[in-house]
Amino acid sequence: MAANALTISANEILNMGMKGLLSTISGFFLKPGFDAARKAAEQGNPLSQFNLGMMYYKGRAVRQDYIEAVKWWRLSAEKGFAEALNNLGMMYGNGDGVPQDYVEAHKWFDLAASHHPPGRKHRNSVRDRDFLVNKMTSSQIAEAQWLAREWIAVFEKREKGNRTSPILFPVPSMIPAYAG
């Protein structure tokens, strides 16, 4: 039987299992959204970069790839997109797509917490950052805070020189030190 991209035999369905079948079906329906997100992400749209990272992270319309997720979230974070900052903290904390590094995770959670206004997302970033503190030395915490301050300084300098790119959040001049 001649098969095309839309034809799947009964044996192929049985061999791929339910997860594979659902992935194939969702990939068919999500592919146009993935293509649109990729195009906008490649043009520098931070929301699209974040969404594309999420598609890679979850394996939606594309094979799951944590390294690609980190790549797109980093690009989004460089534009100040808070959820990307937070997700980078998660990836470094878990060692998904990058080597596990609590200093880097703390830095990214610190940056996300400094951005979010009071509310659930802010509390979650603070909770995740503070959870790491129990696994870190005081010198590692100090290093993470220094890295976060340095990241903000570079971000502010870049934004001052690039007035066509809006700052997506108010950047504090300094992240407060951990009071734990």
C-alpha atoms as a PDB file:
ATOM      1  CA  MET A   1       0.000   0.000   0.000  1.00  0.00           C
ATOM      2  CA  ALA A   2       1.389   3.401  -0.949  1.00  0.00           C
ATOM      3  CA  ALA A   3       1.651   5.658   2.059  1.00  0.00           C
ATOM      4  CA  ASN A   4       1.812   9.403   2.135  1.00  0.00           C
ATOM      5  CA  ALA A   5       2.343  11.823   5.036  1.00  0.00           C
ATOM      6  CA  LEU A   6      -1.301  11.550   6.085  1.00  0.00           C
ATOM      7  CA  THR A   7      -1.653   7.755   5.857  1.00  0.00           C
ATOM      8  CA  ILE A   8      -0.654   5.567   8.787  1.00  0.00           C
ATOM      9  CA  SER A   9      -1.219   1.811   8.770  1.00  0.00           C
ATOM     10  CA  ALA A  10      -2.861  -0.023  11.665  1.00  0.00           C
ATOM     11  CA  ASN A  11       0.445  -1.777  12.432  1.00  0.00           C
ATOM     12  CA  GLU A  12       2.267   1.553  12.596  1.00  0.00           C
ATOM     13  CA  ILE A  13      -0.354   2.858  15.040  1.00  0.00           C
ATOM     14  CA  LEU A  14       0.004  -0.225  17.246  1.00  0.00           C
ATOM     15  CA  ASN A  15       3.816  -0.036  17.175  1.00  0.00           C
ATOM     16  CA  MET A  16       4.021   3.642  18.070  1.00  0.00           C
ATOM     17  CA  GLY A  17       1.814   3.351  21.150  1.00  0.00           C
ATOM     18  CA  MET A  18      -0.622   5.901  22.491  1.00  0.00           C
ATOM     19  CA  LYS A  19       2.006   8.557  23.231  1.00  0.00           C
ATOM     20  CA  GLY A  20       3.448   8.272  19.734  1.00  0.00           C
ATOM     21  CA  LEU A  21       0.000   8.397  18.179  1.00  0.00           C
ATOM     22  CA  LEU A  22      -0.986  11.479  20.154  1.00  0.00           C
ATOM     23  CA  SER A  23       2.328  13.101  19.276  1.00  0.00           C
ATOM     24  CA  THR A  24       1.749  12.408  15.572  1.00  0.00           C
ATOM     25  CA  ILE A  25      -1.807  13.748  15.682  1.00  0.00           C
ATOM     26  CA  SER A  26      -0.903  16.850  17.680  1.00  0.00           C
ATOM     27  CA  GLY A  27       2.116  17.455  15.430  1.00  0.00           C
ATOM     28  CA  PHE A  28      -0.187  17.490  12.414  1.00  0.00           C
ATOM     29  CA  PHE A  29      -2.476  20.091  14.008  1.00  0.00           C
ATOM     30  CA  LEU A  30       0.232  22.135  15.738  1.00  0.00           C
ATOM     31  CA  LYS A  31       2.700  22.322  12.830  1.00  0.00           C
ATOM     32  CA  PRO A  32       1.267  25.583  11.397  1.00  0.00           C
ATOM     33  CA  GLY A  33       1.511  27.199  14.844  1.00  0.00           C
ATOM     34  CA  PHE A  34       5.062  25.945  15.243  1.00  0.00           C
ATOM     35  CA  ASP A  35       6.031  27.333  11.837  1.00  0.00           C
ATOM     36  CA  ALA A  36       4.515  30.726  12.674  1.00  0.00           C
ATOM     37  CA  ALA A  37       6.204  30.814  16.101  1.00  0.00           C
ATOM     38  CA  ARG A  38       9.555  29.888  14.577  1.00  0.00           C
ATOM     39  CA  LYS A  39       9.295  32.614  11.935  1.00  0.00           C
ATOM     40  CA  ALA A  40       8.442  35.285  14.518  1.00  0.00           C
ATOM     41  CA  ALA A  41      11.096  33.954  16.929  1.00  0.00           C
ATOM     42  CA  GLU A  42      13.757  34.153  14.232  1.00  0.00           C
ATOM     43  CA  GLN A  43      12.713  37.779  13.681  1.00  0.00           C
ATOM     44  CA  GLY A  44      13.452  38.462  17.364  1.00  0.00           C
ATOM     45  CA  ASN A  45       9.986  38.478  18.948  1.00  0.00           C
ATOM     46  CA  PRO A  46      10.567  37.578  22.634  1.00  0.00           C
ATOM     47  CA  LEU A  47       7.083  36.106  23.189  1.00  0.00           C
ATOM     48  CA  SER A  48       7.490  33.902  20.125  1.00  0.00           C
ATOM     49  CA  GLN A  49      10.984  32.917  21.271  1.00  0.00           C
ATOM     50  CA  PHE A  50       9.524  31.921  24.628  1.00  0.00           C
ATOM     51  CA  ASN A  51       6.664  29.994  23.006  1.00  0.00           C
ATOM     52  CA  LEU A  52       9.024  28.217  20.627  1.00  0.00           C
ATOM     53  CA  GLY A  53      11.163  27.222  23.608  1.00  0.00           C
ATOM     54  CA  MET A  54       8.037  25.853  25.277  1.00  0.00           C
ATOM     55  CA  MET A  55       7.191  23.825  22.175  1.00  0.00           C
ATOM     56  CA  TYR A  56      10.657  22.269  22.235  1.00  0.00           C
ATOM     57  CA  TYR A  57      10.449  21.719  25.996  1.00  0.00           C
ATOM     58  CA  LYS A  58       7.114  19.926  25.805  1.00  0.00           C
ATOM     59  CA  GLY A  59       7.620  18.301  22.401  1.00  0.00           C
ATOM     60  CA  ARG A  60       4.647  20.043  20.788  1.00  0.00           C
ATOM     61  CA  ALA A  61       4.706  19.841  16.970  1.00  0.00           C
ATOM     62  CA  VAL A  62       8.406  19.023  17.217  1.00  0.00           C
ATOM     63  CA  ARG A  63      10.578  16.392  18.873  1.00  0.00           C
ATOM     64  CA  GLN A  64      11.240  17.260  22.520  1.00  0.00           C
ATOM     65  CA  ASP A  65      14.633  18.955  22.760  1.00  0.00           C
ATOM     66  CA  TYR A  66      15.747  20.628  25.990  1.00  0.00           C
ATOM     67  CA  ILE A  67      18.846  22.120  24.369  1.00  0.00           C
ATOM     68  CA  GLU A  68      16.692  23.942  21.792  1.00  0.00           C
ATOM     69  CA  ALA A  69      14.298  25.029  24.561  1.00  0.00           C
ATOM     70  CA  VAL A  70      17.205  26.595  26.475  1.00  0.00           C
ATOM     71  CA  LYS A  71      18.467  28.280  23.301  1.00  0.00           C
ATOM     72  CA  TRP A  72      15.136  29.981  22.589  1.00  0.00           C
ATOM     73  CA  TRP A  73      14.471  30.869  26.244  1.00  0.00           C
ATOM     74  CA  ARG A  74      17.914  32.443  26.489  1.00  0.00           C
ATOM     75  CA  LEU A  75      17.166  34.640  23.455  1.00  0.00           C
ATOM     76  CA  SER A  76      13.839  35.644  25.003  1.00  0.00           C
ATOM     77  CA  ALA A  77      15.492  36.293  28.383  1.00  0.00           C
ATOM     78  CA  GLU A  78      18.035  38.583  26.719  1.00  0.00           C
ATOM     79  CA  LYS A  79      15.072  40.797  25.851  1.00  0.00           C
ATOM     80  CA  GLY A  80      13.837  40.747  29.444  1.00  0.00           C
ATOM     81  CA  PHE A  81      10.987  38.235  29.096  1.00  0.00           C
ATOM     82  CA  ALA A  82      10.330  37.170  32.703  1.00  0.00           C
ATOM     83  CA  GLU A  83       8.950  33.693  32.095  1.00  0.00           C
ATOM     84  CA  ALA A  84      12.056  32.879  30.059  1.00  0.00           C
ATOM     85  CA  LEU A  85      14.243  34.052  32.954  1.00  0.00           C
ATOM     86  CA  ASN A  86      12.323  31.757  35.282  1.00  0.00           C
ATOM     87  CA  ASN A  87      12.445  28.776  32.927  1.00  0.00           C
ATOM     88  CA  LEU A  88      16.205  29.100  32.566  1.00  0.00           C
ATOM     89  CA  GLY A  89      16.409  28.837  36.350  1.00  0.00           C
ATOM     90  CA  MET A  90      14.365  25.646  36.184  1.00  0.00           C
ATOM     91  CA  MET A  91      16.563  24.161  33.446  1.00  0.00           C
ATOM     92  CA  TYR A  92      19.819  24.891  35.291  1.00  0.00           C
ATOM     93  CA  GLY A  93      18.339  23.680  38.573  1.00  0.00           C
ATOM     94  CA  ASN A  94      17.285  20.362  37.025  1.00  0.00           C
ATOM     95  CA  GLY A  95      20.160  19.995  34.581  1.00  0.00           C
ATOM     96  CA  ASP A  96      17.789  19.760  31.591  1.00  0.00           C
ATOM     97  CA  GLY A  97      19.528  20.757  28.349  1.00  0.00           C
ATOM     98  CA  VAL A  98      22.415  22.280  30.305  1.00  0.00           C
ATOM     99  CA  PRO A  99      24.737  20.968  33.012  1.00  0.00           C
ATOM    100  CA  GLN A 100      23.091  21.226  36.437  1.00  0.00           C
ATOM    101  CA  ASP A 101      24.376  24.410  38.047  1.00  0.00           C
ATOM    102  CA  TYR A 102      22.766  25.823  41.182  1.00  0.00           C
ATOM    103  CA  VAL A 103      24.651  29.118  40.887  1.00  0.00           C
ATOM    104  CA  GLU A 104      23.226  29.709  37.396  1.00  0.00           C
ATOM    105  CA  ALA A 105      19.778  28.516  38.491  1.00  0.00           C
ATOM    106  CA  HIS A 106      19.808  30.918  41.456  1.00  0.00           C
ATOM    107  CA  LYS A 107      20.879  33.760  39.160  1.00  0.00           C
ATOM    108  CA  TRP A 108      18.017  33.171  36.726  1.00  0.00           C
ATOM    109  CA  PHE A 109      15.414  32.761  39.491  1.00  0.00           C
ATOM    110  CA  ASP A 110      16.753  35.948  41.117  1.00  0.00           C
ATOM    111  CA  LEU A 111      16.356  37.823  37.839  1.00  0.00           C
ATOM    112  CA  ALA A 112      12.831  36.469  37.356  1.00  0.00           C
ATOM    113  CA  ALA A 113      11.875  37.361  40.946  1.00  0.00           C
ATOM    114  CA  SER A 114      13.219  40.898  40.531  1.00  0.00           C
ATOM    115  CA  HIS A 115      11.007  41.365  37.500  1.00  0.00           C
ATOM    116  CA  HIS A 116       7.684  39.904  38.527  1.00  0.00           C
ATOM    117  CA  PRO A 117       5.284  42.233  40.308  1.00  0.00           C
ATOM    118  CA  PRO A 118       3.868  40.966  43.597  1.00  0.00           C
ATOM    119  CA  GLY A 119       1.766  37.895  42.965  1.00  0.00           C
ATOM    120  CA  ARG A 120       1.946  34.199  42.187  1.00  0.00           C
ATOM    121  CA  LYS A 121       4.740  34.319  39.602  1.00  0.00           C
ATOM    122  CA  HIS A 122       6.926  36.441  41.873  1.00  0.00           C
ATOM    123  CA  ARG A 123       6.301  34.100  44.829  1.00  0.00           C
ATOM    124  CA  ASN A 124       7.120  31.064  42.682  1.00  0.00           C
ATOM    125  CA  SER A 125      10.424  32.536  41.487  1.00  0.00           C
ATOM    126  CA  VAL A 126      11.371  33.490  45.052  1.00  0.00           C
ATOM    127  CA  ARG A 127      10.346  30.038  46.334  1.00  0.00           C
ATOM    128  CA  ASP A 128      12.400  28.263  43.674  1.00  0.00           C
ATOM    129  CA  ARG A 129      15.433  30.498  44.269  1.00  0.00           C
ATOM    130  CA  ASP A 130      15.212  30.061  48.026  1.00  0.00           C
ATOM    131  CA  PHE A 131      14.842  26.289  47.670  1.00  0.00           C
ATOM    132  CA  LEU A 132      18.265  26.235  46.021  1.00  0.00           C
ATOM    133  CA  VAL A 133      19.831  28.143  48.917  1.00  0.00           C
ATOM    134  CA  ASN A 134      19.634  24.977  51.030  1.00  0.00           C
ATOM    135  CA  LYS A 135      21.865  23.229  48.469  1.00  0.00           C
ATOM    136  CA  MET A 136      24.420  26.037  48.124  1.00  0.00           C
ATOM    137  CA  THR A 137      27.312  27.468  50.099  1.00  0.00           C
ATOM    138  CA  SER A 138      27.313  31.122  51.095  1.00  0.00           C
ATOM    139  CA  SER A 139      30.021  31.808  48.497  1.00  0.00           C
ATOM    140  CA  GLN A 140      27.887  30.184  45.774  1.00  0.00           C
ATOM    141  CA  ILE A 141      24.926  32.370  46.784  1.00  0.00           C
ATOM    142  CA  ALA A 142      27.113  35.477  46.703  1.00  0.00           C
ATOM    143  CA  GLU A 143      28.417  34.470  43.258  1.00  0.00           C
ATOM    144  CA  ALA A 144      24.871  33.963  41.946  1.00  0.00           C
ATOM    145  CA  GLN A 145      23.819  37.384  43.226  1.00  0.00           C
ATOM    146  CA  TRP A 146      26.890  38.993  41.667  1.00  0.00           C
ATOM    147  CA  LEU A 147      26.159  37.265  38.326  1.00  0.00           C
ATOM    148  CA  ALA A 148      22.568  38.538  38.436  1.00  0.00           C
ATOM    149  CA  ARG A 149      23.737  42.114  39.094  1.00  0.00           C
ATOM    150  CA  GLU A 150      26.242  41.830  36.236  1.00  0.00           C
ATOM    151  CA  TRP A 151      23.544  40.499  33.912  1.00  0.00           C
ATOM    152  CA  ILE A 152      21.324  43.483  34.776  1.00  0.00           C
ATOM    153  CA  ALA A 153      24.188  45.928  34.152  1.00  0.00           C
ATOM    154  CA  VAL A 154      24.818  44.438  30.695  1.00  0.00           C
ATOM    155  CA  PHE A 155      21.083  44.405  29.964  1.00  0.00           C
ATOM    156  CA  GLU A 156      20.650  48.063  30.979  1.00  0.00           C
ATOM    157  CA  LYS A 157      23.674  49.128  28.917  1.00  0.00           C
ATOM    158  CA  ARG A 158      22.418  47.239  25.856  1.00  0.00           C
ATOM    159  CA  GLU A 159      18.932  48.718  26.219  1.00  0.00           C
ATOM    160  CA  LYS A 160      20.280  52.274  26.518  1.00  0.00           C
ATOM    161  CA  GLY A 161      22.067  51.805  23.211  1.00  0.00           C
ATOM    162  CA  ASN A 162      19.051  50.215  21.533  1.00  0.00           C
ATOM    163  CA  ARG A 163      16.025  52.467  21.975  1.00  0.00           C
ATOM    164  CA  THR A 164      14.073  50.600  19.270  1.00  0.00           C
ATOM    165  CA  SER A 165      13.797  47.566  21.566  1.00  0.00           C
ATOM    166  CA  PRO A 166      11.463  48.233  24.500  1.00  0.00           C
ATOM    167  CA  ILE A 167      12.414  47.089  27.979  1.00  0.00           C
ATOM    168  CA  LEU A 168       9.763  44.558  28.870  1.00  0.00           C
ATOM    169  CA  PHE A 169      10.088  45.090  32.600  1.00  0.00           C
ATOM    170  CA  PRO A 170      11.440  47.695  34.986  1.00  0.00           C
ATOM    171  CA  VAL A 171      14.983  46.654  35.776  1.00  0.00           C
ATOM    172  CA  PRO A 172      16.125  47.384  39.327  1.00  0.00           C
ATOM    173  CA  SER A 173      19.614  48.822  39.582  1.00  0.00           C
ATOM    174  CA  MET A 174      20.536  46.046  41.954  1.00  0.00           C
ATOM    175  CA  ILE A 175      19.028  42.785  43.124  1.00  0.00           C
ATOM    176  CA  PRO A 176      18.667  42.747  46.913  1.00  0.00           C
ATOM    177  CA  ALA A 177      20.952  40.339  48.722  1.00  0.00           C
ATOM    178  CA  TYR A 178      19.489  37.144  50.097  1.00  0.00           C
ATOM    179  CA  ALA A 179      18.361  37.746  53.657  1.00  0.00           C
ATOM    180  CA  GLY A 180      18.338  34.117  54.778  1.00  0.00           C
END
